[in-house]
């Protein structure tokens, strides 16, 4: 009688151990082993980064509550023609609501910052703060444009910078695990093999110069080649690209013909 024919509960639990078979493949594959070791050893560094991120988010949440508490309300009117802009609370014939992303307390502020950090629809959330007015006054278009600085600073610091910190921690541990694995393997190599590996690394680090097989004979071609190979050609091209981006960014909707 085979073990597969036995239908006992503890035998079924033992069958689940077959899911651990891929671990044998990890132990034999050096590259996959390095990745797994790097992920496991980076848990401590990731935990430290999480603590720093949490503290920074708490600071932004408290600042958001002090700046925007009570300002994220609007009149949810039953008449769609009335709209929500410019309607004070005492003239609201519907229900006074807060936006789903608001700063009424630290918890709601943290939820709002989490949505903003995902970069999914964050301009709409930012414009809700820009259009916000006093506690009993409905939103007014462009009432507080300075709140855009708050959102942009949070995205730069709380989102981009700390996400790169996570990647940096994992990358650092990956390089360390790779070096440790190379040291372990070096014990089993002969001196000749070590010299061969050193020569291969030196060859890979060399960057041969791109030599043109023939020089142009035409004077104009020689001049163009001399200009392109000059040290000022690349910086001038980069300056032209930056100036083009600035000119394109200066255009805006509703600009006059004279502008």
C-alpha atoms as a PDB file:
ATOM      1  CA  UNK A   1       0.000   0.000   0.000  1.00  0.00           C
ATOM      2  CA  UNK A   2       1.440   3.343  -1.052  1.00  0.00           C
ATOM      3  CA  UNK A   3       1.565   6.439   1.119  1.00  0.00           C
ATOM      4  CA  UNK A   4      -0.575   8.353  -1.371  1.00  0.00           C
ATOM      5  CA  UNK A   5      -3.513   5.981  -0.754  1.00  0.00           C
ATOM      6  CA  UNK A   6      -3.551   6.751   2.986  1.00  0.00           C
ATOM      7  CA  UNK A   7      -6.111   9.474   3.768  1.00  0.00           C
ATOM      8  CA  UNK A   8      -5.154  10.543   7.280  1.00  0.00           C
ATOM      9  CA  UNK A   9      -5.017  14.197   8.417  1.00  0.00           C
ATOM     10  CA  UNK A  10      -1.394  14.117   9.578  1.00  0.00           C
ATOM     11  CA  UNK A  11      -0.357  12.416   6.329  1.00  0.00           C
ATOM     12  CA  UNK A  12      -1.908  15.323   4.413  1.00  0.00           C
ATOM     13  CA  UNK A  13       0.125  17.741   6.494  1.00  0.00           C
ATOM     14  CA  UNK A  14       3.292  15.801   5.641  1.00  0.00           C
ATOM     15  CA  UNK A  15       2.419  16.104   1.954  1.00  0.00           C
ATOM     16  CA  UNK A  16       2.563  19.875   2.296  1.00  0.00           C
ATOM     17  CA  UNK A  17       6.286  19.552   2.968  1.00  0.00           C
ATOM     18  CA  UNK A  18       6.688  18.892  -0.758  1.00  0.00           C
ATOM     19  CA  UNK A  19       6.300  22.643  -1.257  1.00  0.00           C
ATOM     20  CA  UNK A  20       9.784  23.012   0.270  1.00  0.00           C
ATOM     21  CA  UNK A  21      11.388  21.243  -2.684  1.00  0.00           C
ATOM     22  CA  UNK A  22      12.320  24.522  -4.453  1.00  0.00           C
ATOM     23  CA  UNK A  23      14.627  25.283  -1.503  1.00  0.00           C
ATOM     24  CA  UNK A  24      16.950  22.545  -2.767  1.00  0.00           C
ATOM     25  CA  UNK A  25      17.174  24.356  -6.094  1.00  0.00           C
ATOM     26  CA  UNK A  26      18.112  27.598  -4.269  1.00  0.00           C
ATOM     27  CA  UNK A  27      20.978  25.874  -2.462  1.00  0.00           C
ATOM     28  CA  UNK A  28      22.442  24.654  -5.794  1.00  0.00           C
ATOM     29  CA  UNK A  29      21.903  27.871  -7.802  1.00  0.00           C
ATOM     30  CA  UNK A  30      24.527  30.431  -6.732  1.00  0.00           C
ATOM     31  CA  UNK A  31      22.817  33.526  -8.193  1.00  0.00           C
ATOM     32  CA  UNK A  32      19.454  32.688  -6.648  1.00  0.00           C
ATOM     33  CA  UNK A  33      21.149  31.906  -3.346  1.00  0.00           C
ATOM     34  CA  UNK A  34      22.796  35.352  -3.332  1.00  0.00           C
ATOM     35  CA  UNK A  35      19.435  37.031  -3.951  1.00  0.00           C
ATOM     36  CA  UNK A  36      17.738  35.137  -1.113  1.00  0.00           C
ATOM     37  CA  UNK A  37      20.612  35.862   1.299  1.00  0.00           C
ATOM     38  CA  UNK A  38      20.523  39.553   0.351  1.00  0.00           C
ATOM     39  CA  UNK A  39      16.776  39.774   0.969  1.00  0.00           C
ATOM     40  CA  UNK A  40      17.041  38.049   4.356  1.00  0.00           C
ATOM     41  CA  UNK A  41      20.010  40.108   5.525  1.00  0.00           C
ATOM     42  CA  UNK A  42      18.408  43.370   4.392  1.00  0.00           C
ATOM     43  CA  UNK A  43      15.407  42.895   6.705  1.00  0.00           C
ATOM     44  CA  UNK A  44      17.198  44.680   9.568  1.00  0.00           C
ATOM     45  CA  UNK A  45      18.127  47.658   7.390  1.00  0.00           C
ATOM     46  CA  UNK A  46      14.624  47.792   5.906  1.00  0.00           C
ATOM     47  CA  UNK A  47      13.151  47.829   9.419  1.00  0.00           C
ATOM     48  CA  UNK A  48      15.347  50.830  10.295  1.00  0.00           C
ATOM     49  CA  UNK A  49      14.233  52.624   7.126  1.00  0.00           C
ATOM     50  CA  UNK A  50      10.585  51.871   7.970  1.00  0.00           C
ATOM     51  CA  UNK A  51      11.037  53.525  11.378  1.00  0.00           C
ATOM     52  CA  UNK A  52      12.554  56.637   9.772  1.00  0.00           C
ATOM     53  CA  UNK A  53       9.786  56.752   7.136  1.00  0.00           C
ATOM     54  CA  UNK A  54       7.126  56.438   9.846  1.00  0.00           C
ATOM     55  CA  UNK A  55       8.643  59.330  11.831  1.00  0.00           C
ATOM     56  CA  UNK A  56       8.845  61.550   8.743  1.00  0.00           C
ATOM     57  CA  UNK A  57       5.245  60.719   7.804  1.00  0.00           C
ATOM     58  CA  UNK A  58       4.106  61.507  11.354  1.00  0.00           C
ATOM     59  CA  UNK A  59       5.809  64.910  11.074  1.00  0.00           C
ATOM     60  CA  UNK A  60       4.058  65.642   7.759  1.00  0.00           C
ATOM     61  CA  UNK A  61       0.741  64.348   9.154  1.00  0.00           C
ATOM     62  CA  UNK A  62       0.918  66.636  12.209  1.00  0.00           C
ATOM     63  CA  UNK A  63       1.856  69.564   9.961  1.00  0.00           C
ATOM     64  CA  UNK A  64      -1.068  68.744   7.651  1.00  0.00           C
ATOM     65  CA  UNK A  65      -3.518  68.595  10.572  1.00  0.00           C
ATOM     66  CA  UNK A  66      -2.322  71.982  11.847  1.00  0.00           C
ATOM     67  CA  UNK A  67      -2.675  73.539   8.378  1.00  0.00           C
ATOM     68  CA  UNK A  68      -5.752  71.857   6.869  1.00  0.00           C
ATOM     69  CA  UNK A  69      -7.925  70.668   9.740  1.00  0.00           C
ATOM     70  CA  UNK A  70     -11.527  71.749   9.161  1.00  0.00           C
ATOM     71  CA  UNK A  71     -10.779  73.208   5.746  1.00  0.00           C
ATOM     72  CA  UNK A  72     -11.553  70.129   3.616  1.00  0.00           C
ATOM     73  CA  UNK A  73     -15.341  70.406   3.835  1.00  0.00           C
ATOM     74  CA  UNK A  74     -17.811  71.092   1.007  1.00  0.00           C
ATOM     75  CA  UNK A  75     -21.566  71.196   0.426  1.00  0.00           C
ATOM     76  CA  UNK A  76     -22.910  68.022  -1.141  1.00  0.00           C
ATOM     77  CA  UNK A  77     -25.967  69.614  -2.712  1.00  0.00           C
ATOM     78  CA  UNK A  78     -28.821  67.636  -4.173  1.00  0.00           C
ATOM     79  CA  UNK A  79     -28.912  70.135  -7.046  1.00  0.00           C
ATOM     80  CA  UNK A  80     -25.960  69.427  -9.382  1.00  0.00           C
ATOM     81  CA  UNK A  81     -26.236  72.929 -10.909  1.00  0.00           C
ATOM     82  CA  UNK A  82     -25.287  74.569  -7.616  1.00  0.00           C
ATOM     83  CA  UNK A  83     -21.894  72.887  -7.351  1.00  0.00           C
ATOM     84  CA  UNK A  84     -19.614  72.888  -4.320  1.00  0.00           C
ATOM     85  CA  UNK A  85     -17.543  76.013  -4.937  1.00  0.00           C
ATOM     86  CA  UNK A  86     -18.380  79.208  -3.083  1.00  0.00           C
ATOM     87  CA  UNK A  87     -21.178  77.700  -0.971  1.00  0.00           C
ATOM     88  CA  UNK A  88     -20.800  78.466   2.777  1.00  0.00           C
ATOM     89  CA  UNK A  89     -21.966  76.023   5.407  1.00  0.00           C
ATOM     90  CA  UNK A  90     -24.962  78.096   6.542  1.00  0.00           C
ATOM     91  CA  UNK A  91     -26.291  78.266   2.974  1.00  0.00           C
ATOM     92  CA  UNK A  92     -25.851  74.576   2.233  1.00  0.00           C
ATOM     93  CA  UNK A  93     -29.182  72.923   1.346  1.00  0.00           C
ATOM     94  CA  UNK A  94     -27.633  69.493   1.147  1.00  0.00           C
ATOM     95  CA  UNK A  95     -25.217  67.734   3.457  1.00  0.00           C
ATOM     96  CA  UNK A  96     -21.884  69.141   4.603  1.00  0.00           C
ATOM     97  CA  UNK A  97     -19.197  66.545   3.948  1.00  0.00           C
ATOM     98  CA  UNK A  98     -15.446  66.200   4.118  1.00  0.00           C
ATOM     99  CA  UNK A  99     -13.348  64.892   1.275  1.00  0.00           C
ATOM    100  CA  UNK A 100     -12.326  61.248   1.615  1.00  0.00           C
ATOM    101  CA  UNK A 101      -8.699  62.422   1.767  1.00  0.00           C
ATOM    102  CA  UNK A 102      -8.672  64.941   4.600  1.00  0.00           C
ATOM    103  CA  UNK A 103      -6.593  66.058   7.577  1.00  0.00           C
ATOM    104  CA  UNK A 104      -9.179  66.010  10.372  1.00  0.00           C
ATOM    105  CA  UNK A 105      -6.911  63.911  12.610  1.00  0.00           C
ATOM    106  CA  UNK A 106      -3.510  62.250  12.480  1.00  0.00           C
ATOM    107  CA  UNK A 107      -4.964  58.890  11.364  1.00  0.00           C
ATOM    108  CA  UNK A 108      -6.834  60.457   8.420  1.00  0.00           C
ATOM    109  CA  UNK A 109      -3.735  62.499   7.606  1.00  0.00           C
ATOM    110  CA  UNK A 110      -1.605  59.327   7.482  1.00  0.00           C
ATOM    111  CA  UNK A 111      -4.148  57.684   5.164  1.00  0.00           C
ATOM    112  CA  UNK A 112      -4.106  60.752   2.923  1.00  0.00           C
ATOM    113  CA  UNK A 113      -0.319  60.797   2.818  1.00  0.00           C
ATOM    114  CA  UNK A 114      -0.302  57.083   1.964  1.00  0.00           C
ATOM    115  CA  UNK A 115      -2.570  57.750  -1.028  1.00  0.00           C
ATOM    116  CA  UNK A 116      -0.395  60.693  -2.105  1.00  0.00           C
ATOM    117  CA  UNK A 117       2.783  58.597  -1.802  1.00  0.00           C
ATOM    118  CA  UNK A 118       1.344  56.080  -4.259  1.00  0.00           C
ATOM    119  CA  UNK A 119       1.268  58.954  -6.828  1.00  0.00           C
ATOM    120  CA  UNK A 120      -2.179  57.776  -7.929  1.00  0.00           C
ATOM    121  CA  UNK A 121      -4.371  60.831  -8.455  1.00  0.00           C
ATOM    122  CA  UNK A 122      -2.303  63.046  -6.167  1.00  0.00           C
ATOM    123  CA  UNK A 123      -2.868  66.249  -8.248  1.00  0.00           C
ATOM    124  CA  UNK A 124      -6.621  66.066  -7.515  1.00  0.00           C
ATOM    125  CA  UNK A 125      -5.899  65.709  -3.785  1.00  0.00           C
ATOM    126  CA  UNK A 126      -3.490  68.649  -3.955  1.00  0.00           C
ATOM    127  CA  UNK A 127      -6.068  70.834  -5.725  1.00  0.00           C
ATOM    128  CA  UNK A 128      -8.625  69.988  -3.045  1.00  0.00           C
ATOM    129  CA  UNK A 129      -6.239  71.556  -0.508  1.00  0.00           C
ATOM    130  CA  UNK A 130      -5.481  74.514  -2.804  1.00  0.00           C
ATOM    131  CA  UNK A 131      -9.215  75.237  -3.197  1.00  0.00           C
ATOM    132  CA  UNK A 132      -9.892  74.903   0.545  1.00  0.00           C
ATOM    133  CA  UNK A 133     -11.118  77.903   2.552  1.00  0.00           C
ATOM    134  CA  UNK A 134     -12.058  78.447   6.207  1.00  0.00           C
ATOM    135  CA  UNK A 135     -13.932  75.894   8.310  1.00  0.00           C
ATOM    136  CA  UNK A 136     -17.461  77.166   7.552  1.00  0.00           C
ATOM    137  CA  UNK A 137     -16.737  78.324   4.016  1.00  0.00           C
ATOM    138  CA  UNK A 138     -16.932  76.074   1.003  1.00  0.00           C
ATOM    139  CA  UNK A 139     -14.021  75.592  -1.375  1.00  0.00           C
ATOM    140  CA  UNK A 140     -12.939  78.443  -3.637  1.00  0.00           C
ATOM    141  CA  UNK A 141     -10.869  77.860  -6.736  1.00  0.00           C
ATOM    142  CA  UNK A 142      -7.204  78.707  -6.192  1.00  0.00           C
ATOM    143  CA  UNK A 143      -7.796  80.068  -2.700  1.00  0.00           C
ATOM    144  CA  UNK A 144      -4.555  78.768  -1.114  1.00  0.00           C
ATOM    145  CA  UNK A 145      -1.927  77.930  -3.773  1.00  0.00           C
ATOM    146  CA  UNK A 146       0.825  77.768  -1.121  1.00  0.00           C
ATOM    147  CA  UNK A 147      -0.458  74.325  -0.026  1.00  0.00           C
ATOM    148  CA  UNK A 148       1.043  72.914  -3.238  1.00  0.00           C
ATOM    149  CA  UNK A 149       4.480  73.310  -1.611  1.00  0.00           C
ATOM    150  CA  UNK A 150       3.402  70.942   1.188  1.00  0.00           C
ATOM    151  CA  UNK A 151       2.408  68.170  -1.240  1.00  0.00           C
ATOM    152  CA  UNK A 152       5.433  68.583  -3.496  1.00  0.00           C
ATOM    153  CA  UNK A 153       7.825  68.484  -0.525  1.00  0.00           C
ATOM    154  CA  UNK A 154       6.146  65.335   0.791  1.00  0.00           C
ATOM    155  CA  UNK A 155       6.390  63.601  -2.595  1.00  0.00           C
ATOM    156  CA  UNK A 156      10.070  64.501  -2.927  1.00  0.00           C
ATOM    157  CA  UNK A 157      11.025  63.586   0.661  1.00  0.00           C
ATOM    158  CA  UNK A 158       8.456  61.054   1.818  1.00  0.00           C
ATOM    159  CA  UNK A 159       7.997  59.187  -1.434  1.00  0.00           C
ATOM    160  CA  UNK A 160      10.920  59.414  -3.887  1.00  0.00           C
ATOM    161  CA  UNK A 161      13.779  59.736  -1.387  1.00  0.00           C
ATOM    162  CA  UNK A 162      12.733  56.976   1.010  1.00  0.00           C
ATOM    163  CA  UNK A 163      11.703  54.563  -1.742  1.00  0.00           C
ATOM    164  CA  UNK A 164      15.260  54.883  -3.060  1.00  0.00           C
ATOM    165  CA  UNK A 165      16.492  54.187   0.481  1.00  0.00           C
ATOM    166  CA  UNK A 166      14.693  50.821   0.420  1.00  0.00           C
ATOM    167  CA  UNK A 167      16.304  49.989  -2.918  1.00  0.00           C
ATOM    168  CA  UNK A 168      19.696  51.160  -1.626  1.00  0.00           C
ATOM    169  CA  UNK A 169      19.540  48.882   1.415  1.00  0.00           C
ATOM    170  CA  UNK A 170      18.706  45.833  -0.703  1.00  0.00           C
ATOM    171  CA  UNK A 171      21.390  46.718  -3.261  1.00  0.00           C
ATOM    172  CA  UNK A 172      24.010  47.128  -0.516  1.00  0.00           C
ATOM    173  CA  UNK A 173      23.163  43.745   1.005  1.00  0.00           C
ATOM    174  CA  UNK A 174      23.165  42.136  -2.434  1.00  0.00           C
ATOM    175  CA  UNK A 175      26.703  43.378  -3.146  1.00  0.00           C
ATOM    176  CA  UNK A 176      27.856  42.222   0.276  1.00  0.00           C
ATOM    177  CA  UNK A 177      26.326  38.762  -0.202  1.00  0.00           C
ATOM    178  CA  UNK A 178      27.920  38.472  -3.646  1.00  0.00           C
ATOM    179  CA  UNK A 179      31.369  39.349  -2.270  1.00  0.00           C
ATOM    180  CA  UNK A 180      30.970  36.833   0.568  1.00  0.00           C
ATOM    181  CA  UNK A 181      29.950  34.139  -1.902  1.00  0.00           C
ATOM    182  CA  UNK A 182      32.978  34.932  -4.071  1.00  0.00           C
ATOM    183  CA  UNK A 183      35.265  34.625  -1.037  1.00  0.00           C
ATOM    184  CA  UNK A 184      33.774  31.231  -0.191  1.00  0.00           C
ATOM    185  CA  UNK A 185      34.291  29.977  -3.738  1.00  0.00           C
ATOM    186  CA  UNK A 186      37.866  31.301  -3.844  1.00  0.00           C
ATOM    187  CA  UNK A 187      38.948  28.633  -1.310  1.00  0.00           C
ATOM    188  CA  UNK A 188      38.298  25.912  -3.901  1.00  0.00           C
ATOM    189  CA  UNK A 189      40.234  27.578  -6.765  1.00  0.00           C
ATOM    190  CA  UNK A 190      43.812  26.950  -7.739  1.00  0.00           C
ATOM    191  CA  UNK A 191      46.279  29.865  -8.161  1.00  0.00           C
ATOM    192  CA  UNK A 192      46.097  29.449 -11.942  1.00  0.00           C
ATOM    193  CA  UNK A 193      42.314  29.791 -11.855  1.00  0.00           C
ATOM    194  CA  UNK A 194      42.595  32.929  -9.688  1.00  0.00           C
ATOM    195  CA  UNK A 195      45.031  34.484 -12.187  1.00  0.00           C
ATOM    196  CA  UNK A 196      42.701  33.626 -15.068  1.00  0.00           C
ATOM    197  CA  UNK A 197      39.723  35.240 -13.291  1.00  0.00           C
ATOM    198  CA  UNK A 198      41.803  38.354 -12.512  1.00  0.00           C
ATOM    199  CA  UNK A 199      42.827  38.677 -16.165  1.00  0.00           C
ATOM    200  CA  UNK A 200      39.203  38.316 -17.300  1.00  0.00           C
ATOM    201  CA  UNK A 201      38.095  41.063 -14.893  1.00  0.00           C
ATOM    202  CA  UNK A 202      40.856  43.346 -16.156  1.00  0.00           C
ATOM    203  CA  UNK A 203      39.794  42.736 -19.761  1.00  0.00           C
ATOM    204  CA  UNK A 204      36.138  43.498 -18.942  1.00  0.00           C
ATOM    205  CA  UNK A 205      37.086  46.770 -17.202  1.00  0.00           C
ATOM    206  CA  UNK A 206      39.044  48.041 -20.184  1.00  0.00           C
ATOM    207  CA  UNK A 207      37.243  50.463 -22.488  1.00  0.00           C
ATOM    208  CA  UNK A 208      38.828  50.475 -25.928  1.00  0.00           C
ATOM    209  CA  UNK A 209      38.766  53.738 -27.837  1.00  0.00           C
ATOM    210  CA  UNK A 210      36.542  53.983 -30.870  1.00  0.00           C
ATOM    211  CA  UNK A 211      39.032  54.642 -33.643  1.00  0.00           C
ATOM    212  CA  UNK A 212      37.683  55.656 -37.024  1.00  0.00           C
ATOM    213  CA  UNK A 213      39.175  53.377 -39.714  1.00  0.00           C
ATOM    214  CA  UNK A 214      39.710  56.289 -42.103  1.00  0.00           C
ATOM    215  CA  UNK A 215      39.869  60.089 -41.878  1.00  0.00           C
ATOM    216  CA  UNK A 216      37.683  62.209 -44.122  1.00  0.00           C
ATOM    217  CA  UNK A 217      39.492  63.908 -46.991  1.00  0.00           C
ATOM    218  CA  UNK A 218      36.953  66.643 -47.648  1.00  0.00           C
ATOM    219  CA  UNK A 219      37.666  69.937 -45.826  1.00  0.00           C
ATOM    220  CA  UNK A 220      34.055  70.417 -44.756  1.00  0.00           C
ATOM    221  CA  UNK A 221      33.875  66.842 -43.394  1.00  0.00           C
ATOM    222  CA  UNK A 222      37.122  67.399 -41.494  1.00  0.00           C
ATOM    223  CA  UNK A 223      35.703  70.583 -39.958  1.00  0.00           C
ATOM    224  CA  UNK A 224      32.442  68.878 -38.936  1.00  0.00           C
ATOM    225  CA  UNK A 225      34.362  65.977 -37.430  1.00  0.00           C
ATOM    226  CA  UNK A 226      36.625  68.349 -35.477  1.00  0.00           C
ATOM    227  CA  UNK A 227      33.575  70.190 -34.097  1.00  0.00           C
ATOM    228  CA  UNK A 228      31.782  66.990 -33.065  1.00  0.00           C
ATOM    229  CA  UNK A 229      34.828  65.539 -31.356  1.00  0.00           C
ATOM    230  CA  UNK A 230      35.527  68.812 -29.508  1.00  0.00           C
ATOM    231  CA  UNK A 231      35.060  68.993 -25.736  1.00  0.00           C
ATOM    232  CA  UNK A 232      32.429  71.779 -25.976  1.00  0.00           C
ATOM    233  CA  UNK A 233      30.084  69.983 -28.368  1.00  0.00           C
ATOM    234  CA  UNK A 234      28.241  67.847 -25.796  1.00  0.00           C
ATOM    235  CA  UNK A 235      27.744  70.711 -23.249  1.00  0.00           C
ATOM    236  CA  UNK A 236      26.401  73.022 -25.977  1.00  0.00           C
ATOM    237  CA  UNK A 237      23.929  70.373 -27.162  1.00  0.00           C
ATOM    238  CA  UNK A 238      22.823  69.811 -23.537  1.00  0.00           C
ATOM    239  CA  UNK A 239      22.290  73.570 -23.045  1.00  0.00           C
ATOM    240  CA  UNK A 240      20.162  73.692 -26.193  1.00  0.00           C
ATOM    241  CA  UNK A 241      18.033  70.798 -24.924  1.00  0.00           C
ATOM    242  CA  UNK A 242      17.523  72.504 -21.530  1.00  0.00           C
ATOM    243  CA  UNK A 243      16.581  75.820 -23.209  1.00  0.00           C
ATOM    244  CA  UNK A 244      14.105  73.980 -25.425  1.00  0.00           C
ATOM    245  CA  UNK A 245      12.498  72.348 -22.359  1.00  0.00           C
ATOM    246  CA  UNK A 246      12.236  75.760 -20.623  1.00  0.00           C
ATOM    247  CA  UNK A 247      10.578  77.335 -23.681  1.00  0.00           C
ATOM    248  CA  UNK A 248       8.111  74.447 -23.930  1.00  0.00           C
ATOM    249  CA  UNK A 249       7.313  74.729 -20.212  1.00  0.00           C
ATOM    250  CA  UNK A 250       6.580  78.463 -20.511  1.00  0.00           C
ATOM    251  CA  UNK A 251       3.549  77.812 -22.717  1.00  0.00           C
ATOM    252  CA  UNK A 252       0.250  77.626 -20.823  1.00  0.00           C
ATOM    253  CA  UNK A 253      -3.425  77.326 -21.606  1.00  0.00           C
ATOM    254  CA  UNK A 254      -5.182  80.624 -22.174  1.00  0.00           C
ATOM    255  CA  UNK A 255      -2.049  82.583 -23.041  1.00  0.00           C
ATOM    256  CA  UNK A 256      -2.547  85.724 -25.112  1.00  0.00           C
ATOM    257  CA  UNK A 257      -1.505  86.133 -28.732  1.00  0.00           C
ATOM    258  CA  UNK A 258       1.124  88.671 -27.693  1.00  0.00           C
ATOM    259  CA  UNK A 259       2.651  86.252 -25.173  1.00  0.00           C
END
